[in-house]
């Protein structure tokens, strides 16, 4: 599955990787509206029931949100929602602080996020987490 979502001037490419990892690659401006649109696309995805972890690639996105706006993607989701699954956040070095703060805040809710600048490390971590997640209907 390879699906493209467009939300205003941003886009996201969603792809299922082996082992239950959903890759979400963001391009263009990342705003509250684009985050909401991508979240909706992920939740409605045919493959959402098979997702065990995410690899979210923000390296080609222009970040125009606050940490609290990133948090809202998780905090506004119902318990058990696919967006609360573990996620490797692949970011540029200039965005590490923003995303690390997000990861720390959502950890208090029991949501696992880890920030990476290296694509291979991020992919490896997401695969590792996916192997450990069990989903219930």
Protein backbone atom coordinates (compact mmCIF):
# COMPACT_ATOMS: atom_id res chain seq x y z
CA UNK A 1 0.00 0.00 0.00
CA UNK A 2 1.27 3.40 -0.95
CA UNK A 3 -1.15 6.25 -0.37
CA UNK A 4 -0.68 9.97 -0.80
CA UNK A 5 -2.63 12.52 1.21
CA UNK A 6 -2.82 16.21 0.37
CA UNK A 7 -3.77 18.74 2.99
CA UNK A 8 -3.54 22.37 1.89
CA UNK A 9 0.01 22.81 0.51
CA UNK A 10 1.46 19.86 2.45
CA UNK A 11 1.41 16.22 1.55
CA UNK A 12 2.07 12.93 3.23
CA UNK A 13 2.97 9.59 1.76
CA UNK A 14 1.74 6.62 3.76
CA UNK A 15 3.24 3.21 3.16
CA UNK A 16 2.95 -0.09 5.03
CA UNK A 17 6.35 -1.64 5.67
CA UNK A 18 6.91 -5.28 6.60
CA UNK A 19 6.30 -6.25 10.19
CA UNK A 20 3.41 -3.87 10.88
CA UNK A 21 5.29 -0.56 10.58
CA UNK A 22 3.45 2.29 8.89
CA UNK A 23 5.77 4.85 7.30
CA UNK A 24 4.35 8.38 7.14
CA UNK A 25 6.54 10.84 5.18
CA UNK A 26 5.55 14.48 5.55
CA UNK A 27 6.41 17.09 2.91
CA UNK A 28 5.77 20.82 2.97
CA UNK A 29 4.44 22.98 5.80
CA UNK A 30 3.44 21.07 8.93
CA UNK A 31 0.60 23.00 10.54
CA UNK A 32 -2.23 22.10 12.90
CA UNK A 33 -4.51 21.56 9.90
CA UNK A 34 -2.04 19.31 8.08
CA UNK A 35 -1.42 17.27 11.23
CA UNK A 36 -5.16 16.78 11.66
CA UNK A 37 -5.59 15.79 8.01
CA UNK A 38 -2.79 13.26 8.11
CA UNK A 39 -4.04 11.80 11.38
CA UNK A 40 -7.48 11.35 9.80
CA UNK A 41 -5.92 9.65 6.78
CA UNK A 42 -3.94 7.26 8.96
CA UNK A 43 -6.94 6.37 11.12
CA UNK A 44 -9.13 5.76 8.05
CA UNK A 45 -6.46 3.76 6.26
CA UNK A 46 -7.46 0.27 5.22
CA UNK A 47 -4.24 -1.01 6.79
CA UNK A 48 -4.74 0.75 10.13
CA UNK A 49 -5.80 -2.50 11.80
CA UNK A 50 -2.43 -4.06 10.88
CA UNK A 51 -0.27 -1.21 12.20
CA UNK A 52 1.86 -2.04 15.24
CA UNK A 53 4.21 0.99 15.15
CA UNK A 54 4.94 4.10 13.11
CA UNK A 55 7.95 5.61 11.45
CA UNK A 56 7.07 9.29 10.99
CA UNK A 57 9.54 11.10 8.72
CA UNK A 58 9.49 14.87 9.16
CA UNK A 59 12.85 15.57 7.50
CA UNK A 60 11.23 17.16 4.42
CA UNK A 61 8.58 19.07 6.33
CA UNK A 62 8.67 22.72 7.29
CA UNK A 63 7.70 22.65 10.95
CA UNK A 64 5.14 25.35 11.76
CA UNK A 65 3.59 23.93 14.94
CA UNK A 66 4.32 24.14 18.63
CA UNK A 67 5.05 21.19 20.85
CA UNK A 68 1.57 21.45 22.33
CA UNK A 69 0.06 21.25 18.85
CA UNK A 70 2.06 18.08 18.22
CA UNK A 71 0.80 16.74 21.55
CA UNK A 72 -2.83 17.35 20.50
CA UNK A 73 -2.56 14.65 17.83
CA UNK A 74 -2.17 12.16 20.69
CA UNK A 75 -4.15 13.81 23.48
CA UNK A 76 -7.25 14.24 21.31
CA UNK A 77 -7.21 10.57 20.23
CA UNK A 78 -9.31 8.01 22.05
CA UNK A 79 -7.51 5.38 24.13
CA UNK A 80 -6.67 2.44 21.87
CA UNK A 81 -6.49 4.67 18.79
CA UNK A 82 -3.88 3.73 16.22
CA UNK A 83 -2.19 7.13 16.68
CA UNK A 84 -1.27 6.13 20.24
CA UNK A 85 0.96 3.29 19.02
CA UNK A 86 4.77 3.59 19.35
CA UNK A 87 6.34 5.96 16.84
CA UNK A 88 9.90 6.65 15.73
CA UNK A 89 10.07 10.35 14.87
CA UNK A 90 12.69 11.03 12.19
CA UNK A 91 13.60 14.73 12.24
CA UNK A 92 16.32 17.15 11.21
CA UNK A 93 18.83 18.13 13.93
CA UNK A 94 17.27 21.60 14.23
CA UNK A 95 13.93 20.02 15.25
CA UNK A 96 15.17 17.56 17.88
CA UNK A 97 14.34 19.78 20.85
CA UNK A 98 10.73 20.35 19.71
CA UNK A 99 10.05 16.67 19.07
CA UNK A 100 11.92 15.47 22.18
CA UNK A 101 9.71 17.72 24.30
CA UNK A 102 6.66 16.23 22.61
CA UNK A 103 7.93 12.70 23.26
CA UNK A 104 8.49 13.47 26.93
CA UNK A 105 5.03 14.99 27.42
CA UNK A 106 3.12 12.16 25.73
CA UNK A 107 5.17 9.58 27.63
CA UNK A 108 3.29 10.76 30.72
CA UNK A 109 0.15 9.44 28.97
CA UNK A 110 1.76 6.08 28.27
CA UNK A 111 2.42 6.88 24.60
CA UNK A 112 5.85 5.87 23.31
CA UNK A 113 7.71 8.24 20.99
CA UNK A 114 11.44 8.33 20.27
CA UNK A 115 13.27 10.98 18.27
CA UNK A 116 15.93 10.12 15.67
CA UNK A 117 18.06 11.95 13.12
CA UNK A 118 19.37 8.74 11.53
CA UNK A 119 16.89 6.94 9.20
CA UNK A 120 18.33 3.47 9.81
CA UNK A 121 18.18 3.83 13.59
CA UNK A 122 14.59 5.09 13.37
CA UNK A 123 13.55 2.22 11.11
CA UNK A 124 15.23 -0.37 13.33
CA UNK A 125 13.56 1.00 16.46
CA UNK A 126 10.11 1.05 14.79
CA UNK A 127 10.50 -2.57 13.64
CA UNK A 128 11.65 -3.59 17.11
CA UNK A 129 8.67 -1.88 18.78
CA UNK A 130 6.23 -3.36 16.25
CA UNK A 131 7.37 -6.85 17.22
CA UNK A 132 6.38 -6.17 20.81
CA UNK A 133 2.99 -4.56 20.32
CA UNK A 134 -0.16 -6.64 20.58
CA UNK A 135 -3.42 -5.17 19.31
CA UNK A 136 -6.82 -6.15 20.62
CA UNK A 137 -10.10 -5.72 18.76
